[in-house]
Amino acid sequence: MAEQTDKEIRQAAFTREREGVLLVFYDTYNRDSLEWFKQLLQKQKPKRLLFVIHPLILPYNARST
């Protein structure tokens, strides 16, 4: 996605915007993400909002051992 949009991805929570649609990738494992999202919506008023949440790909529970 970084190559397609020519924008570097530095953290799990980030956005991409195209033609009035704001695509939000939300990091559920970062406690600051909710505040980040709140500030984002105060600054941006998109026509449409797509909100993406995905669990970690890396194993992180008892079954991972």
PDB file of N, CA and C in Angstrom:
ATOM      1  N   MET A   1       0.820  -1.192   0.000  1.00  0.00           N
ATOM      2  CA  MET A   1       0.000   0.000   0.000  1.00  0.00           C
ATOM      3  C   MET A   1       0.864   1.255   0.000  1.00  0.00           C
ATOM      4  N   ALA A   2       1.989   1.205   0.691  1.00  0.00           N
ATOM      5  CA  ALA A   2       2.876   2.367   0.723  1.00  0.00           C
ATOM      6  C   ALA A   2       3.389   2.697  -0.675  1.00  0.00           C
ATOM      7  N   GLU A   3       3.715   1.674  -1.454  1.00  0.00           N
ATOM      8  CA  GLU A   3       4.193   1.903  -2.815  1.00  0.00           C
ATOM      9  C   GLU A   3       3.095   2.471  -3.703  1.00  0.00           C
ATOM     10  N   GLN A   4       1.874   1.981  -3.541  1.00  0.00           N
ATOM     11  CA  GLN A   4       0.765   2.430  -4.371  1.00  0.00           C
ATOM     12  C   GLN A   4       0.373   3.875  -4.100  1.00  0.00           C
ATOM     13  N   THR A   5       0.537   4.332  -2.872  1.00  0.00           N
ATOM     14  CA  THR A   5       0.133   5.692  -2.532  1.00  0.00           C
ATOM     15  C   THR A   5       1.311   6.653  -2.388  1.00  0.00           C
ATOM     16  N   ASP A   6       2.523   6.124  -2.520  1.00  0.00           N
ATOM     17  CA  ASP A   6       3.741   6.935  -2.357  1.00  0.00           C
ATOM     18  C   ASP A   6       3.798   7.627  -0.997  1.00  0.00           C
ATOM     19  N   LYS A   7       3.263   6.946   0.031  1.00  0.00           N
ATOM     20  CA  LYS A   7       3.311   7.469   1.397  1.00  0.00           C
ATOM     21  C   LYS A   7       3.805   6.355   2.316  1.00  0.00           C
ATOM     22  N   GLU A   8       4.837   6.654   3.070  1.00  0.00           N
ATOM     23  CA  GLU A   8       5.419   5.671   3.977  1.00  0.00           C
ATOM     24  C   GLU A   8       4.459   5.362   5.127  1.00  0.00           C
ATOM     25  N   ILE A   9       4.437   4.109   5.544  1.00  0.00           N
ATOM     26  CA  ILE A   9       3.641   3.675   6.684  1.00  0.00           C
ATOM     27  C   ILE A   9       4.605   3.467   7.847  1.00  0.00           C
ATOM     28  N   ARG A  10       4.439   4.250   8.906  1.00  0.00           N
ATOM     29  CA  ARG A  10       5.372   4.199  10.031  1.00  0.00           C
ATOM     30  C   ARG A  10       4.785   3.565  11.284  1.00  0.00           C
ATOM     31  N   GLN A  11       3.483   3.376  11.315  1.00  0.00           N
ATOM     32  CA  GLN A  11       2.845   2.789  12.489  1.00  0.00           C
ATOM     33  C   GLN A  11       1.593   2.036  12.048  1.00  0.00           C
ATOM     34  N   ALA A  12       1.017   1.277  12.959  1.00  0.00           N
ATOM     35  CA  ALA A  12      -0.147   0.456  12.615  1.00  0.00           C
ATOM     36  C   ALA A  12      -1.412   1.286  12.395  1.00  0.00           C
ATOM     37  N   ALA A  13      -1.519   2.428  13.039  1.00  0.00           N
ATOM     38  CA  ALA A  13      -2.670   3.317  12.846  1.00  0.00           C
ATOM     39  C   ALA A  13      -2.291   4.386  11.831  1.00  0.00           C
ATOM     40  N   PHE A  14      -3.003   4.388  10.704  1.00  0.00           N
ATOM     41  CA  PHE A  14      -2.714   5.369   9.659  1.00  0.00           C
ATOM     42  C   PHE A  14      -3.944   5.539   8.785  1.00  0.00           C
ATOM     43  N   THR A  15      -3.896   6.508   7.896  1.00  0.00           N
ATOM     44  CA  THR A  15      -5.026   6.775   7.002  1.00  0.00           C
ATOM     45  C   THR A  15      -4.553   6.916   5.569  1.00  0.00           C
ATOM     46  N   ARG A  16      -5.482   6.741   4.673  1.00  0.00           N
ATOM     47  CA  ARG A  16      -5.301   7.067   3.266  1.00  0.00           C
ATOM     48  C   ARG A  16      -6.613   7.694   2.808  1.00  0.00           C
ATOM     49  N   GLU A  17      -6.514   8.694   1.937  1.00  0.00           N
ATOM     50  CA  GLU A  17      -7.720   9.373   1.461  1.00  0.00           C
ATOM     51  C   GLU A  17      -7.706   9.431  -0.060  1.00  0.00           C
ATOM     52  N   ARG A  18      -8.880   9.210  -0.625  1.00  0.00           N
ATOM     53  CA  ARG A  18      -9.003   9.287  -2.078  1.00  0.00           C
ATOM     54  C   ARG A  18     -10.448   9.610  -2.433  1.00  0.00           C
ATOM     55  N   GLU A  19     -10.622  10.630  -3.214  1.00  0.00           N
ATOM     56  CA  GLU A  19     -11.928  11.042  -3.730  1.00  0.00           C
ATOM     57  C   GLU A  19     -12.985  11.171  -2.628  1.00  0.00           C
ATOM     58  N   GLY A  20     -12.607  11.795  -1.525  1.00  0.00           N
ATOM     59  CA  GLY A  20     -13.548  12.048  -0.444  1.00  0.00           C
ATOM     60  C   GLY A  20     -13.792  10.873   0.490  1.00  0.00           C
ATOM     61  N   VAL A  21     -13.106   9.762   0.245  1.00  0.00           N
ATOM     62  CA  VAL A  21     -13.237   8.586   1.116  1.00  0.00           C
ATOM     63  C   VAL A  21     -11.992   8.481   1.984  1.00  0.00           C
ATOM     64  N   LEU A  22     -12.194   8.480   3.292  1.00  0.00           N
ATOM     65  CA  LEU A  22     -11.091   8.352   4.233  1.00  0.00           C
ATOM     66  C   LEU A  22     -11.049   6.905   4.716  1.00  0.00           C
ATOM     67  N   LEU A  23      -9.944   6.250   4.490  1.00  0.00           N
ATOM     68  CA  LEU A  23      -9.717   4.884   4.916  1.00  0.00           C
ATOM     69  C   LEU A  23      -8.840   4.929   6.158  1.00  0.00           C
ATOM     70  N   VAL A  24      -9.372   4.457   7.281  1.00  0.00           N
ATOM     71  CA  VAL A  24      -8.680   4.520   8.563  1.00  0.00           C
ATOM     72  C   VAL A  24      -8.281   3.106   8.979  1.00  0.00           C
ATOM     73  N   PHE A  25      -6.994   2.910   9.183  1.00  0.00           N
ATOM     74  CA  PHE A  25      -6.476   1.659   9.727  1.00  0.00           C
ATOM     75  C   PHE A  25      -6.214   1.899  11.201  1.00  0.00           C
ATOM     76  N   TYR A  26      -6.909   1.171  12.035  1.00  0.00           N
ATOM     77  CA  TYR A  26      -6.924   1.431  13.476  1.00  0.00           C
ATOM     78  C   TYR A  26      -6.128   0.354  14.207  1.00  0.00           C
ATOM     79  N   ASP A  27      -5.287   0.765  15.121  1.00  0.00           N
ATOM     80  CA  ASP A  27      -4.461  -0.150  15.903  1.00  0.00           C
ATOM     81  C   ASP A  27      -5.133  -0.402  17.250  1.00  0.00           C
ATOM     82  N   THR A  28      -5.783  -1.542  17.394  1.00  0.00           N
ATOM     83  CA  THR A  28      -6.509  -1.844  18.629  1.00  0.00           C
ATOM     84  C   THR A  28      -5.583  -2.147  19.792  1.00  0.00           C
ATOM     85  N   TYR A  29      -4.316  -2.411  19.524  1.00  0.00           N
ATOM     86  CA  TYR A  29      -3.381  -2.772  20.581  1.00  0.00           C
ATOM     87  C   TYR A  29      -2.611  -1.577  21.141  1.00  0.00           C
ATOM     88  N   ASN A  30      -2.850  -0.404  20.599  1.00  0.00           N
ATOM     89  CA  ASN A  30      -2.209   0.810  21.084  1.00  0.00           C
ATOM     90  C   ASN A  30      -3.249   1.618  21.859  1.00  0.00           C
ATOM     91  N   ARG A  31      -2.996   1.852  23.120  1.00  0.00           N
ATOM     92  CA  ARG A  31      -3.974   2.559  23.968  1.00  0.00           C
ATOM     93  C   ARG A  31      -4.204   3.998  23.530  1.00  0.00           C
ATOM     94  N   ASP A  32      -3.296   4.571  22.776  1.00  0.00           N
ATOM     95  CA  ASP A  32      -3.448   5.954  22.310  1.00  0.00           C
ATOM     96  C   ASP A  32      -4.253   6.056  21.020  1.00  0.00           C
ATOM     97  N   SER A  33      -4.617   4.939  20.437  1.00  0.00           N
ATOM     98  CA  SER A  33      -5.313   4.961  19.149  1.00  0.00           C
ATOM     99  C   SER A  33      -6.671   5.643  19.203  1.00  0.00           C
ATOM    100  N   LEU A  34      -7.387   5.480  20.294  1.00  0.00           N
ATOM    101  CA  LEU A  34      -8.697   6.114  20.397  1.00  0.00           C
ATOM    102  C   LEU A  34      -8.574   7.633  20.394  1.00  0.00           C
ATOM    103  N   GLU A  35      -7.605   8.154  21.118  1.00  0.00           N
ATOM    104  CA  GLU A  35      -7.362   9.604  21.121  1.00  0.00           C
ATOM    105  C   GLU A  35      -6.908  10.063  19.739  1.00  0.00           C
ATOM    106  N   TRP A  36      -6.063   9.291  19.084  1.00  0.00           N
ATOM    107  CA  TRP A  36      -5.616   9.593  17.718  1.00  0.00           C
ATOM    108  C   TRP A  36      -6.811   9.682  16.769  1.00  0.00           C
ATOM    109  N   PHE A  37      -7.732   8.726  16.878  1.00  0.00           N
ATOM    110  CA  PHE A  37      -8.908   8.712  16.010  1.00  0.00           C
ATOM    111  C   PHE A  37      -9.822   9.902  16.294  1.00  0.00           C
ATOM    112  N   LYS A  38      -9.986  10.231  17.559  1.00  0.00           N
ATOM    113  CA  LYS A  38     -10.805  11.393  17.942  1.00  0.00           C
ATOM    114  C   LYS A  38     -10.239  12.679  17.341  1.00  0.00           C
ATOM    115  N   GLN A  39      -8.939  12.871  17.452  1.00  0.00           N
ATOM    116  CA  GLN A  39      -8.303  14.063  16.884  1.00  0.00           C
ATOM    117  C   GLN A  39      -8.395  14.073  15.361  1.00  0.00           C
ATOM    118  N   LEU A  40      -8.276  12.922  14.774  1.00  0.00           N
ATOM    119  CA  LEU A  40      -8.381  12.814  13.319  1.00  0.00           C
ATOM    120  C   LEU A  40      -9.741  13.303  12.825  1.00  0.00           C
ATOM    121  N   LEU A  41     -10.804  12.868  13.496  1.00  0.00           N
ATOM    122  CA  LEU A  41     -12.149  13.276  13.073  1.00  0.00           C
ATOM    123  C   LEU A  41     -12.447  14.737  13.370  1.00  0.00           C
ATOM    124  N   GLN A  42     -11.724  15.339  14.295  1.00  0.00           N
ATOM    125  CA  GLN A  42     -11.885  16.771  14.532  1.00  0.00           C
ATOM    126  C   GLN A  42     -11.261  17.580  13.398  1.00  0.00           C
ATOM    127  N   LYS A  43     -10.223  17.030  12.773  1.00  0.00           N
ATOM    128  CA  LYS A  43      -9.517  17.727  11.697  1.00  0.00           C
ATOM    129  C   LYS A  43     -10.117  17.449  10.324  1.00  0.00           C
ATOM    130  N   GLN A  44     -10.566  16.229  10.103  1.00  0.00           N
ATOM    131  CA  GLN A  44     -11.033  15.827   8.780  1.00  0.00           C
ATOM    132  C   GLN A  44     -12.516  15.497   8.810  1.00  0.00           C
ATOM    133  N   LYS A  45     -13.220  15.911   7.779  1.00  0.00           N
ATOM    134  CA  LYS A  45     -14.654  15.642   7.635  1.00  0.00           C
ATOM    135  C   LYS A  45     -14.881  14.992   6.263  1.00  0.00           C
ATOM    136  N   PRO A  46     -14.572  13.700   6.171  1.00  0.00           N
ATOM    137  CA  PRO A  46     -14.699  13.033   4.868  1.00  0.00           C
ATOM    138  C   PRO A  46     -16.162  12.798   4.481  1.00  0.00           C
ATOM    139  N   LYS A  47     -16.405  12.649   3.177  1.00  0.00           N
ATOM    140  CA  LYS A  47     -17.739  12.294   2.703  1.00  0.00           C
ATOM    141  C   LYS A  47     -18.102  10.897   3.179  1.00  0.00           C
ATOM    142  N   ARG A  48     -17.104  10.010   3.113  1.00  0.00           N
ATOM    143  CA  ARG A  48     -17.290   8.626   3.552  1.00  0.00           C
ATOM    144  C   ARG A  48     -16.081   8.208   4.377  1.00  0.00           C
ATOM    145  N   LEU A  49     -16.340   7.320   5.322  1.00  0.00           N
ATOM    146  CA  LEU A  49     -15.283   6.828   6.194  1.00  0.00           C
ATOM    147  C   LEU A  49     -15.333   5.303   6.201  1.00  0.00           C
ATOM    148  N   LEU A  50     -14.204   4.687   5.900  1.00  0.00           N
ATOM    149  CA  LEU A  50     -14.061   3.240   6.010  1.00  0.00           C
ATOM    150  C   LEU A  50     -13.077   2.980   7.138  1.00  0.00           C
ATOM    151  N   PHE A  51     -13.494   2.159   8.082  1.00  0.00           N
ATOM    152  CA  PHE A  51     -12.731   1.929   9.297  1.00  0.00           C
ATOM    153  C   PHE A  51     -12.278   0.473   9.302  1.00  0.00           C
ATOM    154  N   VAL A  52     -10.967   0.241   9.354  1.00  0.00           N
ATOM    155  CA  VAL A  52     -10.415  -1.109   9.256  1.00  0.00           C
ATOM    156  C   VAL A  52      -9.735  -1.487  10.564  1.00  0.00           C
ATOM    157  N   ILE A  53     -10.135  -2.632  11.090  1.00  0.00           N
ATOM    158  CA  ILE A  53      -9.501  -3.196  12.281  1.00  0.00           C
ATOM    159  C   ILE A  53      -9.095  -4.624  11.936  1.00  0.00           C
ATOM    160  N   HIS A  54      -7.875  -4.977  12.250  1.00  0.00           N
ATOM    161  CA  HIS A  54      -7.400  -6.327  11.984  1.00  0.00           C
ATOM    162  C   HIS A  54      -6.557  -6.790  13.158  1.00  0.00           C
ATOM    163  N   PRO A  55      -6.790  -8.021  13.624  1.00  0.00           N
ATOM    164  CA  PRO A  55      -5.946  -8.525  14.718  1.00  0.00           C
ATOM    165  C   PRO A  55      -4.508  -8.714  14.250  1.00  0.00           C
ATOM    166  N   LEU A  56      -3.614  -8.790  15.192  1.00  0.00           N
ATOM    167  CA  LEU A  56      -2.210  -8.992  14.852  1.00  0.00           C
ATOM    168  C   LEU A  56      -2.009 -10.263  14.043  1.00  0.00           C
ATOM    169  N   ILE A  57      -1.078 -10.217  13.132  1.00  0.00           N
ATOM    170  CA  ILE A  57      -0.735 -11.401  12.348  1.00  0.00           C
ATOM    171  C   ILE A  57       0.223 -12.279  13.146  1.00  0.00           C
ATOM    172  N   LEU A  58       1.041 -11.678  13.965  1.00  0.00           N
ATOM    173  CA  LEU A  58       1.996 -12.422  14.789  1.00  0.00           C
ATOM    174  C   LEU A  58       1.262 -13.183  15.888  1.00  0.00           C
ATOM    175  N   PRO A  59       1.698 -14.383  16.219  1.00  0.00           N
ATOM    176  CA  PRO A  59       1.036 -15.113  17.311  1.00  0.00           C
ATOM    177  C   PRO A  59       1.247 -14.400  18.644  1.00  0.00           C
ATOM    178  N   TYR A  60       0.226 -14.314  19.443  1.00  0.00           N
ATOM    179  CA  TYR A  60       0.337 -13.586  20.704  1.00  0.00           C
ATOM    180  C   TYR A  60      -0.423 -14.232  21.850  1.00  0.00           C
ATOM    181  N   ASN A  61      -0.948 -15.423  21.667  1.00  0.00           N
ATOM    182  CA  ASN A  61      -1.690 -16.044  22.755  1.00  0.00           C
ATOM    183  C   ASN A  61      -1.124 -17.415  23.100  1.00  0.00           C
ATOM    184  N   ALA A  62      -1.810 -18.148  23.945  1.00  0.00           N
ATOM    185  CA  ALA A  62      -1.307 -19.437  24.422  1.00  0.00           C
ATOM    186  C   ALA A  62      -1.124 -20.447  23.290  1.00  0.00           C
ATOM    187  N   ARG A  63      -1.921 -20.352  22.247  1.00  0.00           N
ATOM    188  CA  ARG A  63      -1.802 -21.314  21.142  1.00  0.00           C
ATOM    189  C   ARG A  63      -0.559 -21.061  20.289  1.00  0.00           C
ATOM    190  N   SER A  64       0.109 -19.969  20.474  1.00  0.00           N
ATOM    191  CA  SER A  64       1.268 -19.640  19.645  1.00  0.00           C
ATOM    192  C   SER A  64       2.541 -20.367  20.067  1.00  0.00           C
ATOM    193  N   THR A  65       2.510 -21.039  21.206  1.00  0.00           N
ATOM    194  CA  THR A  65       3.728 -21.696  21.681  1.00  0.00           C
ATOM    195  C   THR A  65       3.885 -23.067  21.133  1.00  0.00           C
TER     196      THR A  65
END
